[in-house]
Protein backbone atom coordinates (compact mmCIF):
# COMPACT_ATOMS: atom_id res chain seq x y z
CA MET A 1 55.89 25.92 -25.12
CA LYS A 2 55.75 26.80 -28.71
CA PRO A 3 53.74 28.88 -30.92
CA LEU A 4 51.14 26.31 -31.80
CA SER A 5 50.89 24.89 -28.64
CA LEU A 6 50.13 28.05 -26.89
CA LEU A 7 47.04 28.73 -29.75
CA ILE A 8 45.75 25.59 -28.95
CA ALA A 9 45.84 26.48 -25.45
CA ALA A 10 44.36 29.65 -25.57
CA ALA A 11 42.42 28.70 -28.27
CA ALA A 12 40.69 25.87 -25.50
CA PHE A 13 40.16 28.12 -22.73
CA ALA A 14 38.62 30.79 -25.23
CA LEU A 15 35.66 28.63 -27.04
CA PRO A 16 34.34 27.68 -24.36
CA ALA A 17 33.85 31.13 -22.79
CA VAL A 18 32.65 32.65 -26.02
CA ALA A 19 30.01 30.28 -26.41
CA ALA A 20 28.63 31.08 -23.09
CA GLU A 21 28.28 34.71 -24.06
CA LEU A 22 26.36 34.17 -27.36
CA ASP A 23 23.98 31.29 -26.29
CA VAL A 24 22.86 29.29 -28.70
CA SER A 25 20.41 27.18 -27.31
CA PRO A 26 16.59 27.47 -27.97
CA ARG A 27 14.26 28.92 -25.13
CA ALA A 28 10.68 28.47 -24.64
CA ASN A 29 8.56 31.96 -24.45
CA ILE A 30 11.16 34.13 -23.65
CA MET A 31 12.58 37.92 -26.31
CA PRO A 32 16.35 38.62 -25.56
CA ALA A 33 15.68 42.01 -23.29
CA GLU A 34 17.68 43.53 -25.96
CA LEU A 35 14.72 43.59 -27.84
CA ILE A 36 12.01 44.52 -25.51
CA GLY A 37 11.17 47.81 -26.07
CA VAL A 38 8.53 50.41 -27.57
CA TRP A 39 9.94 50.31 -31.12
CA HIS A 40 9.14 52.34 -34.08
CA ASP A 41 9.92 52.66 -38.05
CA ASN A 42 13.20 54.02 -38.86
CA ASN A 43 11.96 56.46 -40.90
CA ASP A 44 10.31 60.39 -40.89
CA GLU A 45 6.86 58.98 -40.00
CA GLY A 46 7.87 56.79 -37.16
CA ARG A 47 10.24 59.23 -35.69
CA LYS A 48 6.75 61.85 -35.09
CA GLN A 49 4.54 58.61 -34.30
CA CYS A 50 7.65 58.42 -31.13
CA ALA A 51 7.97 62.23 -30.16
CA THR A 52 3.73 62.11 -29.50
CA TYR A 53 4.07 59.65 -27.62
CA GLN A 54 7.60 59.94 -26.00
CA LYS A 55 5.58 63.54 -24.70
CA ASN A 56 3.38 61.02 -22.19
CA PRO A 57 4.59 57.35 -22.64
CA ILE A 58 0.70 54.98 -21.97
CA SER A 59 -0.15 51.37 -21.84
CA ARG A 60 -0.41 49.03 -24.16
CA GLY A 61 -4.11 49.50 -23.84
CA ASP A 62 -4.67 53.64 -25.47
CA HIS A 63 -4.65 51.35 -28.77
CA ASP A 64 -4.41 55.53 -31.04
CA ARG A 65 -1.62 57.14 -29.52
CA LEU A 66 0.68 53.27 -30.69
CA ALA A 67 -0.73 53.23 -33.39
CA GLY A 68 2.48 52.03 -36.01
CA SER A 69 4.52 50.91 -33.36
CA VAL A 70 5.29 48.13 -32.65
CA LEU A 71 5.21 46.40 -28.73
CA ILE A 72 7.78 43.48 -27.42
CA SER A 73 7.18 41.71 -24.14
CA ALA A 74 9.34 39.45 -23.18
CA SER A 75 6.01 36.58 -24.64
CA MET A 76 4.11 38.32 -27.33
CA ILE A 77 5.35 40.83 -30.34
CA GLN A 78 1.94 43.28 -31.71
CA THR A 79 2.74 45.19 -33.67
CA ARG A 80 -0.05 48.17 -33.70
CA ALA A 81 -1.54 48.46 -36.93
CA GLU A 82 -2.71 52.53 -38.27
CA SER A 83 -6.30 51.76 -40.14
CA GLY A 84 -6.79 47.48 -40.68
CA PRO A 85 -6.37 44.72 -37.38
CA ASP A 86 -3.44 44.29 -35.47
CA GLU A 87 -1.53 41.31 -35.45
CA TYR A 88 -0.18 39.27 -32.83
CA TYR A 89 2.56 36.71 -32.22
CA ARG A 90 3.11 34.32 -29.80
CA PRO A 91 6.84 33.13 -29.69
CA ASP A 92 7.02 29.09 -28.88
CA TRP A 93 10.68 28.92 -29.76
CA ILE A 94 13.40 31.89 -29.58
CA SER A 95 17.11 30.42 -30.72
CA ARG A 96 20.02 33.16 -30.27
CA SER A 97 21.80 33.40 -34.37
CA GLY A 98 24.68 34.82 -33.39
CA ARG A 99 25.34 37.79 -31.21
CA THR A 100 23.49 39.96 -32.06
CA THR A 101 20.65 38.19 -34.27
CA TRP A 102 17.32 35.58 -33.42
CA LEU A 103 15.32 33.46 -34.71
CA VAL A 104 11.68 33.42 -33.06
CA ARG A 105 9.20 31.06 -34.24
CA SER A 106 5.26 32.43 -32.88
CA ASN A 107 2.49 31.24 -33.76
CA TYR A 108 0.20 33.95 -35.59
CA TYR A 109 -3.31 35.38 -34.83
CA SER A 110 -5.04 38.59 -37.00
CA GLY A 111 -7.00 41.09 -34.86
CA ALA A 112 -7.67 39.60 -31.46
CA PHE A 113 -5.26 37.45 -29.10
CA PRO A 114 -6.12 34.80 -27.69
CA VAL A 115 -6.75 35.13 -24.00
CA ASN A 116 -7.51 32.07 -21.04
CA GLY A 117 -10.35 30.15 -21.90
CA ASP A 118 -9.73 31.25 -26.01
CA ASP A 119 -8.53 28.16 -27.86
CA ARG A 120 -8.40 29.66 -31.26
CA GLU A 121 -6.25 28.33 -33.63
CA PRO A 122 -2.87 30.15 -34.94
CA GLU A 123 -3.32 32.00 -38.62
CA ALA A 124 -0.12 30.00 -39.18
CA TYR A 125 3.47 29.53 -37.71
CA MET A 126 6.06 31.02 -39.06
CA THR A 127 9.75 32.30 -37.81
CA ASP A 128 11.38 35.30 -38.29
CA THR A 129 14.90 36.79 -37.78
CA MET A 130 15.44 39.77 -35.38
CA THR A 131 18.38 41.13 -36.21
CA LEU A 132 19.99 44.30 -33.66
CA GLN A 133 22.83 46.28 -36.07
CA GLY A 134 23.66 49.40 -33.94
CA ARG A 135 20.53 50.97 -32.95
CA THR A 136 18.03 49.57 -35.35
CA LEU A 137 16.05 46.20 -35.23
CA VAL A 138 15.92 44.44 -38.38
CA TRP A 139 13.13 41.76 -38.33
CA THR A 140 12.55 39.86 -41.29
CA GLY A 141 10.45 36.55 -41.65
CA PRO A 142 8.37 34.74 -44.38
CA GLU A 143 4.81 37.22 -44.59
CA THR A 144 6.40 40.24 -43.36
CA SER A 145 8.89 42.15 -45.27
CA THR A 146 11.68 43.50 -44.03
CA ARG A 147 11.44 46.38 -41.24
CA LYS A 148 13.48 48.92 -39.66
CA LEU A 149 12.22 49.78 -36.64
CA PHE A 150 13.81 52.12 -33.44
CA ARG A 151 13.75 51.49 -29.67
CA CYS A 152 11.46 54.90 -29.11
CA SER A 153 11.14 53.59 -25.62
CA ASP A 154 11.13 50.89 -22.65
CA LEU A 155 7.18 48.50 -23.02
CA VAL A 156 5.14 49.99 -20.20
CA GLU A 157 2.53 47.64 -18.85
């Protein structure tokens, strides 16, 4: 076999495996496992907030101790405000666009997340980009300035 034939044969064998590893097909409502957790801003204040949380992990309902955090579950992103209303993003479409990058299209709500029976329309529909750069999550979107976050812990439901 000539060298070019070997290269073509190797590429034909490897490409399906690479495509499967990237898994670029869109998914409905399921955040990638790599992103699920309690995240804080990658700065001194975020590290202090994380240290306080890690001393005594708590559930989502304890608002004061989670202020400033970003909670990412399989079906929702919640930013816990230090003051003012919390923000809620309910993903309805997620697509991997690279090895560590995802496009996340969400319904956006401010103040209160709609529960069963609440037919309130989202305040906005937005598509954000979430990229893992080593241990840092870079979250960029049309309505958010770019935030650099670090994983503080697993999400306690």
